Amino acid sequence: MKTHQIEIQKFKAASNSSHGTVSFKVDALVNARQPVEGIEPSSLITMSEANARVLMALLKTQLAEFDGRKARSQR
């Protein structure tokens, strides 16, 4: 498995599909990351507090759109 260090620079947009996925358009720095021995390999995403707040707002908006599409009986 390839692992990466992903640093979010800026969130540009968010959208969701009828298939239940959310996509984000971002500016990011992506660098290969060497796995640390004894620790399960994984990629790491980092962002500033300001970008984390933008992410939260975008997620709330996208989830509200998913909820708006559900039939009233599913709510």
C-alpha atoms as a PDB file:
ATOM      1  CA  MET A   1       0.000   0.000   0.000  1.00  0.00           C
ATOM      2  CA  LYS A   2       1.283   3.474  -0.844  1.00  0.00           C
ATOM      3  CA  THR A   3       0.947   6.005   1.953  1.00  0.00           C
ATOM      4  CA  HIS A   4       0.865   9.780   1.599  1.00  0.00           C
ATOM      5  CA  GLN A   5       1.071  12.968   3.618  1.00  0.00           C
ATOM      6  CA  ILE A   6      -1.784  15.160   2.336  1.00  0.00           C
ATOM      7  CA  GLU A   7      -1.897  18.786   3.444  1.00  0.00           C
ATOM      8  CA  ILE A   8      -5.123  20.603   2.565  1.00  0.00           C
ATOM      9  CA  GLN A   9      -4.346  24.142   1.430  1.00  0.00           C
ATOM     10  CA  LYS A  10      -7.856  25.270   0.450  1.00  0.00           C
ATOM     11  CA  PHE A  11     -11.327  23.805  -0.011  1.00  0.00           C
ATOM     12  CA  LYS A  12     -12.826  25.052  -3.268  1.00  0.00           C
ATOM     13  CA  ALA A  13     -16.150  23.238  -3.588  1.00  0.00           C
ATOM     14  CA  ALA A  14     -18.217  20.274  -2.464  1.00  0.00           C
ATOM     15  CA  SER A  15     -20.892  18.253  -4.212  1.00  0.00           C
ATOM     16  CA  ASN A  16     -22.767  15.033  -3.702  1.00  0.00           C
ATOM     17  CA  SER A  17     -24.196  12.444  -6.036  1.00  0.00           C
ATOM     18  CA  SER A  18     -27.325  10.364  -6.041  1.00  0.00           C
ATOM     19  CA  HIS A  19     -25.051   7.390  -5.270  1.00  0.00           C
ATOM     20  CA  GLY A  20     -24.390   8.596  -1.733  1.00  0.00           C
ATOM     21  CA  THR A  21     -20.900  10.003  -2.232  1.00  0.00           C
ATOM     22  CA  VAL A  22     -19.561  13.449  -1.371  1.00  0.00           C
ATOM     23  CA  SER A  23     -16.735  14.969  -3.436  1.00  0.00           C
ATOM     24  CA  PHE A  24     -14.499  17.881  -2.473  1.00  0.00           C
ATOM     25  CA  LYS A  25     -12.448  20.030  -4.818  1.00  0.00           C
ATOM     26  CA  VAL A  26      -9.280  21.039  -2.960  1.00  0.00           C
ATOM     27  CA  ASP A  27      -5.832  22.516  -3.359  1.00  0.00           C
ATOM     28  CA  ALA A  28      -3.477  20.136  -1.563  1.00  0.00           C
ATOM     29  CA  LEU A  29       0.172  19.228  -1.194  1.00  0.00           C
ATOM     30  CA  VAL A  30       0.646  15.465  -1.555  1.00  0.00           C
ATOM     31  CA  ASN A  31       3.922  13.762  -0.672  1.00  0.00           C
ATOM     32  CA  ALA A  32       4.845  10.109  -0.401  1.00  0.00           C
ATOM     33  CA  ARG A  33       5.099   8.996   3.220  1.00  0.00           C
ATOM     34  CA  GLN A  34       7.337   6.185   4.403  1.00  0.00           C
ATOM     35  CA  PRO A  35       5.554   3.747   6.713  1.00  0.00           C
ATOM     36  CA  VAL A  36       6.829   3.687  10.284  1.00  0.00           C
ATOM     37  CA  GLU A  37       7.923   0.238  11.411  1.00  0.00           C
ATOM     38  CA  GLY A  38       5.536  -1.320  13.895  1.00  0.00           C
ATOM     39  CA  ILE A  39       2.676   1.028  13.004  1.00  0.00           C
ATOM     40  CA  GLU A  40      -0.057   0.124  10.517  1.00  0.00           C
ATOM     41  CA  PRO A  41       0.610   2.021   7.250  1.00  0.00           C
ATOM     42  CA  SER A  42      -1.871   4.768   6.485  1.00  0.00           C
ATOM     43  CA  SER A  43      -2.091   8.116   4.749  1.00  0.00           C
ATOM     44  CA  LEU A  44      -2.287  11.275   6.843  1.00  0.00           C
ATOM     45  CA  ILE A  45      -4.451  14.319   6.083  1.00  0.00           C
ATOM     46  CA  THR A  46      -3.602  17.593   7.815  1.00  0.00           C
ATOM     47  CA  MET A  47      -5.292  20.980   7.649  1.00  0.00           C
ATOM     48  CA  SER A  48      -5.462  24.265   9.519  1.00  0.00           C
ATOM     49  CA  GLU A  49      -8.219  25.013  12.007  1.00  0.00           C
ATOM     50  CA  ALA A  50      -9.741  27.431   9.483  1.00  0.00           C
ATOM     51  CA  ASN A  51      -9.850  24.712   6.821  1.00  0.00           C
ATOM     52  CA  ALA A  52     -11.311  22.246   9.338  1.00  0.00           C
ATOM     53  CA  ARG A  53     -14.121  24.727  10.000  1.00  0.00           C
ATOM     54  CA  VAL A  54     -14.724  25.095   6.237  1.00  0.00           C
ATOM     55  CA  LEU A  55     -14.825  21.289   5.938  1.00  0.00           C
ATOM     56  CA  MET A  56     -17.400  21.090   8.733  1.00  0.00           C
ATOM     57  CA  ALA A  57     -19.606  23.713   7.069  1.00  0.00           C
ATOM     58  CA  LEU A  58     -19.351  21.978   3.688  1.00  0.00           C
ATOM     59  CA  LEU A  59     -20.217  18.611   5.236  1.00  0.00           C
ATOM     60  CA  LYS A  60     -23.269  20.052   7.004  1.00  0.00           C
ATOM     61  CA  THR A  61     -24.491  21.518   3.710  1.00  0.00           C
ATOM     62  CA  GLN A  62     -23.949  18.282   1.783  1.00  0.00           C
ATOM     63  CA  LEU A  63     -25.650  16.167   4.469  1.00  0.00           C
ATOM     64  CA  ALA A  64     -28.636  18.535   4.477  1.00  0.00           C
ATOM     65  CA  GLU A  65     -28.926  18.015   0.709  1.00  0.00           C
ATOM     66  CA  PHE A  66     -28.904  14.220   1.198  1.00  0.00           C
ATOM     67  CA  ASP A  67     -31.607  14.545   3.868  1.00  0.00           C
ATOM     68  CA  GLY A  68     -33.664  16.812   1.610  1.00  0.00           C
ATOM     69  CA  ARG A  69     -33.783  14.098  -1.064  1.00  0.00           C
ATOM     70  CA  LYS A  70     -35.023  11.357   1.267  1.00  0.00           C
ATOM     71  CA  ALA A  71     -38.698  10.511   1.318  1.00  0.00           C
ATOM     72  CA  ARG A  72     -40.455  11.737   4.456  1.00  0.00           C
ATOM     73  CA  SER A  73     -40.995   8.116   5.562  1.00  0.00           C
ATOM     74  CA  GLN A  74     -37.198   7.598   5.706  1.00  0.00           C
ATOM     75  CA  ARG A  75     -36.486  10.563   7.993  1.00  0.00           C
END
